[in-house]
Amino acid sequence: LSDSEIADYYKDNQDLYKVPEKIKVSRIFLALGNKEKVAVVSEAQSLLERIAKGDDFGELARKYSADEKAKDGGDWGLSEWKSLSSKEQEEIQKLEAGKTSGVVELEGGVSILKVTEKEPASTQPLEEVKERIKNTLLDQKARNLAGERIARLERSSKKEKSLDVASQKTGFKIKTTGPLKEG
């Protein structure tokens, strides 16, 4: 294989080498329950002030959050956060890594979101995927060559009306394999 073949394949198939955007999110959710919305928003503002002063987001989530991720420090990971409300997802997309949202008002409560990691979508560089491409192209070439040889043997065997004669003329060695098992 030439380097230009590899480069052309890479250029024509860049979608295969895309790395999706990675966003890791943490959340503190305060449920309304029987409380007044004003009181819950006030509690959330108080938590935001503590976060701004340096309190640990995860510890506050463990202590105050009312969702299933509270025990994990509010960590919604790299993909589970995509199940949050569309309002929260919009807020997450606006945040940079390490930044915390304001109070996000929801139907059943309020949340505070923090993006702990954010990496934009990217494409792996050619040097990183060159061996994979090389293996793919070699496999394709081997399959094509095998297909051409089989087609040539088939044409010759029809002409000669004998697989043995055709295989000798095309340079294949005849071997008896014995019975073959299915599969």
C-alpha atoms as a PDB file:
ATOM      1  CA  LEU A   1       0.000   0.000   0.000  1.00  0.00           C
ATOM      2  CA  SER A   2       1.193   3.487  -0.758  1.00  0.00           C
ATOM      3  CA  ASP A   3       0.916   6.377   1.684  1.00  0.00           C
ATOM      4  CA  SER A   4      -1.302   8.176  -0.816  1.00  0.00           C
ATOM      5  CA  GLU A   5      -3.801   5.256  -0.824  1.00  0.00           C
ATOM      6  CA  ILE A   6      -3.942   5.410   2.955  1.00  0.00           C
ATOM      7  CA  ALA A   7      -4.318   9.202   2.936  1.00  0.00           C
ATOM      8  CA  ASP A   8      -7.069   9.039   0.287  1.00  0.00           C
ATOM      9  CA  TYR A   9      -8.988   6.426   2.290  1.00  0.00           C
ATOM     10  CA  TYR A  10      -8.654   8.574   5.432  1.00  0.00           C
ATOM     11  CA  LYS A  11      -9.894  11.656   3.585  1.00  0.00           C
ATOM     12  CA  ASP A  12     -12.861   9.792   2.065  1.00  0.00           C
ATOM     13  CA  ASN A  13     -13.849   8.120   5.358  1.00  0.00           C
ATOM     14  CA  GLN A  14     -13.192  10.744   8.034  1.00  0.00           C
ATOM     15  CA  ASP A  15     -16.587  10.069   9.645  1.00  0.00           C
ATOM     16  CA  LEU A  16     -15.183   6.704  10.789  1.00  0.00           C
ATOM     17  CA  TYR A  17     -12.520   8.502  12.821  1.00  0.00           C
ATOM     18  CA  LYS A  18     -14.654  11.115  14.553  1.00  0.00           C
ATOM     19  CA  VAL A  19     -14.586  11.229  18.334  1.00  0.00           C
ATOM     20  CA  PRO A  20     -17.872  12.600  19.729  1.00  0.00           C
ATOM     21  CA  GLU A  21     -18.046  15.521  22.118  1.00  0.00           C
ATOM     22  CA  LYS A  22     -17.494  14.486  25.746  1.00  0.00           C
ATOM     23  CA  ILE A  23     -19.325  16.321  28.498  1.00  0.00           C
ATOM     24  CA  LYS A  24     -19.381  15.119  32.086  1.00  0.00           C
ATOM     25  CA  VAL A  25     -22.041  16.664  34.304  1.00  0.00           C
ATOM     26  CA  SER A  26     -22.911  16.850  37.977  1.00  0.00           C
ATOM     27  CA  ARG A  27     -26.235  18.087  39.362  1.00  0.00           C
ATOM     28  CA  ILE A  28     -27.833  19.139  42.592  1.00  0.00           C
ATOM     29  CA  PHE A  29     -31.609  18.779  42.425  1.00  0.00           C
ATOM     30  CA  LEU A  30     -33.877  20.311  45.039  1.00  0.00           C
ATOM     31  CA  ALA A  31     -37.442  19.001  44.849  1.00  0.00           C
ATOM     32  CA  LEU A  32     -40.406  21.264  45.544  1.00  0.00           C
ATOM     33  CA  GLY A  33     -42.326  18.657  47.500  1.00  0.00           C
ATOM     34  CA  ASN A  34     -44.566  20.551  49.956  1.00  0.00           C
ATOM     35  CA  LYS A  35     -42.280  23.611  50.044  1.00  0.00           C
ATOM     36  CA  GLU A  36     -42.956  26.970  48.450  1.00  0.00           C
ATOM     37  CA  LYS A  37     -41.050  27.518  45.211  1.00  0.00           C
ATOM     38  CA  VAL A  38     -39.527  30.731  46.632  1.00  0.00           C
ATOM     39  CA  ALA A  39     -38.072  28.798  49.585  1.00  0.00           C
ATOM     40  CA  VAL A  40     -36.538  26.133  47.314  1.00  0.00           C
ATOM     41  CA  VAL A  41     -35.047  28.773  44.977  1.00  0.00           C
ATOM     42  CA  SER A  42     -33.640  30.567  48.034  1.00  0.00           C
ATOM     43  CA  GLU A  43     -32.071  27.317  49.269  1.00  0.00           C
ATOM     44  CA  ALA A  44     -30.528  26.792  45.817  1.00  0.00           C
ATOM     45  CA  GLN A  45     -29.140  30.349  45.821  1.00  0.00           C
ATOM     46  CA  SER A  46     -27.586  29.634  49.218  1.00  0.00           C
ATOM     47  CA  LEU A  47     -25.929  26.489  47.800  1.00  0.00           C
ATOM     48  CA  LEU A  48     -24.642  28.483  44.816  1.00  0.00           C
ATOM     49  CA  GLU A  49     -23.029  30.974  47.212  1.00  0.00           C
ATOM     50  CA  ARG A  50     -21.351  28.114  49.079  1.00  0.00           C
ATOM     51  CA  ILE A  51     -20.066  26.672  45.794  1.00  0.00           C
ATOM     52  CA  ALA A  52     -18.706  30.099  44.804  1.00  0.00           C
ATOM     53  CA  LYS A  53     -16.875  30.269  48.160  1.00  0.00           C
ATOM     54  CA  GLY A  54     -15.207  26.929  47.413  1.00  0.00           C
ATOM     55  CA  ASP A  55     -17.446  24.309  49.004  1.00  0.00           C
ATOM     56  CA  ASP A  56     -17.216  20.965  47.218  1.00  0.00           C
ATOM     57  CA  PHE A  57     -20.053  20.483  44.697  1.00  0.00           C
ATOM     58  CA  GLY A  58     -20.058  16.706  45.189  1.00  0.00           C
ATOM     59  CA  GLU A  59     -20.355  16.962  48.968  1.00  0.00           C
ATOM     60  CA  LEU A  60     -23.210  19.450  48.669  1.00  0.00           C
ATOM     61  CA  ALA A  61     -24.935  17.131  46.192  1.00  0.00           C
ATOM     62  CA  ARG A  62     -24.592  14.174  48.588  1.00  0.00           C
ATOM     63  CA  LYS A  63     -26.087  16.222  51.401  1.00  0.00           C
ATOM     64  CA  TYR A  64     -28.827  18.241  49.676  1.00  0.00           C
ATOM     65  CA  SER A  65     -29.692  16.712  46.285  1.00  0.00           C
ATOM     66  CA  ALA A  66     -32.955  14.811  45.954  1.00  0.00           C
ATOM     67  CA  ASP A  67     -32.277  12.654  42.915  1.00  0.00           C
ATOM     68  CA  GLU A  68     -30.890   9.168  42.326  1.00  0.00           C
ATOM     69  CA  LYS A  69     -27.347  10.478  41.729  1.00  0.00           C
ATOM     70  CA  ALA A  70     -27.040  12.259  45.090  1.00  0.00           C
ATOM     71  CA  LYS A  71     -25.133   9.340  46.628  1.00  0.00           C
ATOM     72  CA  ASP A  72     -22.582   9.636  43.767  1.00  0.00           C
ATOM     73  CA  GLY A  73     -21.972  13.309  44.500  1.00  0.00           C
ATOM     74  CA  GLY A  74     -24.470  14.311  41.827  1.00  0.00           C
ATOM     75  CA  ASP A  75     -22.329  12.765  39.060  1.00  0.00           C
ATOM     76  CA  TRP A  76     -24.409  12.123  35.915  1.00  0.00           C
ATOM     77  CA  GLY A  77     -21.384  10.919  33.941  1.00  0.00           C
ATOM     78  CA  LEU A  78     -20.651  11.366  30.255  1.00  0.00           C
ATOM     79  CA  SER A  79     -24.039  10.327  28.881  1.00  0.00           C
ATOM     80  CA  GLU A  80     -26.698   9.799  31.550  1.00  0.00           C
ATOM     81  CA  TRP A  81     -27.190  13.563  31.823  1.00  0.00           C
ATOM     82  CA  LYS A  82     -28.782  13.400  28.358  1.00  0.00           C
ATOM     83  CA  SER A  83     -31.877  12.011  30.086  1.00  0.00           C
ATOM     84  CA  LEU A  84     -32.311  15.265  32.037  1.00  0.00           C
ATOM     85  CA  SER A  85     -34.906  17.846  30.990  1.00  0.00           C
ATOM     86  CA  SER A  86     -34.353  19.802  27.774  1.00  0.00           C
ATOM     87  CA  LYS A  87     -34.027  22.985  29.842  1.00  0.00           C
ATOM     88  CA  GLU A  88     -31.156  21.444  31.815  1.00  0.00           C
ATOM     89  CA  GLN A  89     -29.526  20.076  28.654  1.00  0.00           C
ATOM     90  CA  GLU A  90     -29.609  23.547  27.058  1.00  0.00           C
ATOM     91  CA  GLU A  91     -27.944  24.994  30.151  1.00  0.00           C
ATOM     92  CA  ILE A  92     -25.276  22.260  30.093  1.00  0.00           C
ATOM     93  CA  GLN A  93     -24.409  23.042  26.462  1.00  0.00           C
ATOM     94  CA  LYS A  94     -23.774  26.692  27.411  1.00  0.00           C
ATOM     95  CA  LEU A  95     -21.367  25.878  30.259  1.00  0.00           C
ATOM     96  CA  GLU A  96     -17.606  25.566  29.967  1.00  0.00           C
ATOM     97  CA  ALA A  97     -15.650  22.884  31.835  1.00  0.00           C
ATOM     98  CA  GLY A  98     -15.456  23.599  35.555  1.00  0.00           C
ATOM     99  CA  LYS A  99     -18.332  26.102  35.458  1.00  0.00           C
ATOM    100  CA  THR A 100     -21.557  25.977  37.424  1.00  0.00           C
ATOM    101  CA  SER A 101     -24.972  27.095  36.214  1.00  0.00           C
ATOM    102  CA  GLY A 102     -27.322  29.382  38.028  1.00  0.00           C
ATOM    103  CA  VAL A 103     -30.553  28.059  39.463  1.00  0.00           C
ATOM    104  CA  VAL A 104     -32.474  26.200  36.750  1.00  0.00           C
ATOM    105  CA  GLU A 105     -36.203  26.220  37.544  1.00  0.00           C
ATOM    106  CA  LEU A 106     -38.012  23.013  36.612  1.00  0.00           C
ATOM    107  CA  GLU A 107     -41.545  21.690  37.005  1.00  0.00           C
ATOM    108  CA  GLY A 108     -40.865  19.610  40.105  1.00  0.00           C
ATOM    109  CA  GLY A 109     -38.024  21.614  41.618  1.00  0.00           C
ATOM    110  CA  VAL A 110     -34.792  23.405  40.785  1.00  0.00           C
ATOM    111  CA  SER A 111     -31.341  22.243  39.820  1.00  0.00           C
ATOM    112  CA  ILE A 112     -27.782  23.474  39.833  1.00  0.00           C
ATOM    113  CA  LEU A 113     -25.562  21.997  37.151  1.00  0.00           C
ATOM    114  CA  LYS A 114     -21.809  21.731  36.874  1.00  0.00           C
ATOM    115  CA  VAL A 115     -19.833  20.659  33.828  1.00  0.00           C
ATOM    116  CA  THR A 116     -16.832  18.812  35.241  1.00  0.00           C
ATOM    117  CA  GLU A 117     -15.315  17.845  31.849  1.00  0.00           C
ATOM    118  CA  LYS A 118     -15.869  19.120  28.345  1.00  0.00           C
ATOM    119  CA  GLU A 119     -14.004  18.053  25.230  1.00  0.00           C
ATOM    120  CA  PRO A 120     -15.231  19.137  21.813  1.00  0.00           C
ATOM    121  CA  ALA A 121     -15.880  16.626  19.053  1.00  0.00           C
ATOM    122  CA  SER A 122     -12.746  15.889  17.053  1.00  0.00           C
ATOM    123  CA  THR A 123     -11.328  13.672  14.351  1.00  0.00           C
ATOM    124  CA  GLN A 124      -8.475  11.316  15.139  1.00  0.00           C
ATOM    125  CA  PRO A 125      -5.352  12.338  13.201  1.00  0.00           C
ATOM    126  CA  LEU A 126      -4.172  10.174  10.308  1.00  0.00           C
ATOM    127  CA  GLU A 127      -1.028   9.078  12.162  1.00  0.00           C
ATOM    128  CA  GLU A 128      -3.176   7.700  14.986  1.00  0.00           C
ATOM    129  CA  VAL A 129      -5.356   5.572  12.696  1.00  0.00           C
ATOM    130  CA  LYS A 130      -2.860   4.744   9.945  1.00  0.00           C
ATOM    131  CA  GLU A 131      -2.386   1.095  11.047  1.00  0.00           C
ATOM    132  CA  ARG A 132      -6.151   0.515  11.206  1.00  0.00           C
ATOM    133  CA  ILE A 133      -6.551   1.948   7.711  1.00  0.00           C
ATOM    134  CA  LYS A 134      -3.642  -0.129   6.440  1.00  0.00           C
ATOM    135  CA  ASN A 135      -5.206  -3.326   7.819  1.00  0.00           C
ATOM    136  CA  THR A 136      -8.592  -2.419   6.332  1.00  0.00           C
ATOM    137  CA  LEU A 137      -7.120  -1.724   2.890  1.00  0.00           C
ATOM    138  CA  LEU A 138      -4.973  -4.867   2.930  1.00  0.00           C
ATOM    139  CA  ASP A 139      -8.038  -6.918   3.854  1.00  0.00           C
ATOM    140  CA  GLN A 140     -10.034  -5.305   1.024  1.00  0.00           C
ATOM    141  CA  LYS A 141      -7.247  -5.971  -1.478  1.00  0.00           C
ATOM    142  CA  ALA A 142      -6.932  -9.602  -0.354  1.00  0.00           C
ATOM    143  CA  ARG A 143     -10.696 -10.135  -0.688  1.00  0.00           C
ATOM    144  CA  ASN A 144     -10.711  -8.516  -4.149  1.00  0.00           C
ATOM    145  CA  LEU A 145      -7.754 -10.621  -5.300  1.00  0.00           C
ATOM    146  CA  ALA A 146      -9.366 -13.806  -3.990  1.00  0.00           C
ATOM    147  CA  GLY A 147     -12.614 -12.873  -5.737  1.00  0.00           C
ATOM    148  CA  GLU A 148     -10.780 -12.252  -9.031  1.00  0.00           C
ATOM    149  CA  ARG A 149      -8.953 -15.595  -8.807  1.00  0.00           C
ATOM    150  CA  ILE A 150     -12.157 -17.485  -8.035  1.00  0.00           C
ATOM    151  CA  ALA A 151     -13.940 -15.765 -10.933  1.00  0.00           C
ATOM    152  CA  ARG A 152     -11.032 -16.623 -13.277  1.00  0.00           C
ATOM    153  CA  LEU A 153     -11.112 -20.257 -12.110  1.00  0.00           C
ATOM    154  CA  GLU A 154     -14.883 -20.390 -12.575  1.00  0.00           C
ATOM    155  CA  ARG A 155     -14.667 -19.025 -16.136  1.00  0.00           C
ATOM    156  CA  SER A 156     -11.856 -21.434 -16.982  1.00  0.00           C
ATOM    157  CA  SER A 157     -13.661 -24.447 -15.494  1.00  0.00           C
ATOM    158  CA  LYS A 158     -16.776 -23.680 -17.558  1.00  0.00           C
ATOM    159  CA  LYS A 159     -14.639 -23.379 -20.692  1.00  0.00           C
ATOM    160  CA  GLU A 160     -12.675 -26.564 -19.970  1.00  0.00           C
ATOM    161  CA  LYS A 161     -15.725 -28.339 -18.542  1.00  0.00           C
ATOM    162  CA  SER A 162     -13.446 -29.576 -15.757  1.00  0.00           C
ATOM    163  CA  LEU A 163     -12.454 -27.987 -12.475  1.00  0.00           C
ATOM    164  CA  ASP A 164      -9.261 -30.109 -12.325  1.00  0.00           C
ATOM    165  CA  VAL A 165      -8.027 -28.981 -15.763  1.00  0.00           C
ATOM    166  CA  ALA A 166      -8.979 -25.332 -15.088  1.00  0.00           C
ATOM    167  CA  SER A 167      -7.187 -25.282 -11.745  1.00  0.00           C
ATOM    168  CA  GLN A 168      -4.006 -26.735 -13.306  1.00  0.00           C
ATOM    169  CA  LYS A 169      -4.093 -24.098 -16.084  1.00  0.00           C
ATOM    170  CA  THR A 170      -4.571 -21.226 -13.614  1.00  0.00           C
ATOM    171  CA  GLY A 171      -1.798 -22.483 -11.322  1.00  0.00           C
ATOM    172  CA  PHE A 172      -3.871 -23.782  -8.429  1.00  0.00           C
ATOM    173  CA  LYS A 173      -2.887 -27.002  -6.708  1.00  0.00           C
ATOM    174  CA  ILE A 174      -5.574 -29.617  -6.303  1.00  0.00           C
ATOM    175  CA  LYS A 175      -5.993 -31.080  -2.827  1.00  0.00           C
ATOM    176  CA  THR A 176      -8.483 -33.604  -1.618  1.00  0.00           C
ATOM    177  CA  THR A 177      -9.959 -32.450   1.657  1.00  0.00           C
ATOM    178  CA  GLY A 178     -12.280 -35.302   2.408  1.00  0.00           C
ATOM    179  CA  PRO A 179     -15.825 -34.694   3.572  1.00  0.00           C
ATOM    180  CA  LEU A 180     -16.513 -31.286   5.106  1.00  0.00           C
ATOM    181  CA  LYS A 181     -18.766 -30.648   8.075  1.00  0.00           C
ATOM    182  CA  GLU A 182     -21.508 -28.104   7.740  1.00  0.00           C
ATOM    183  CA  GLY A 183     -20.468 -24.838   9.368  1.00  0.00           C
END
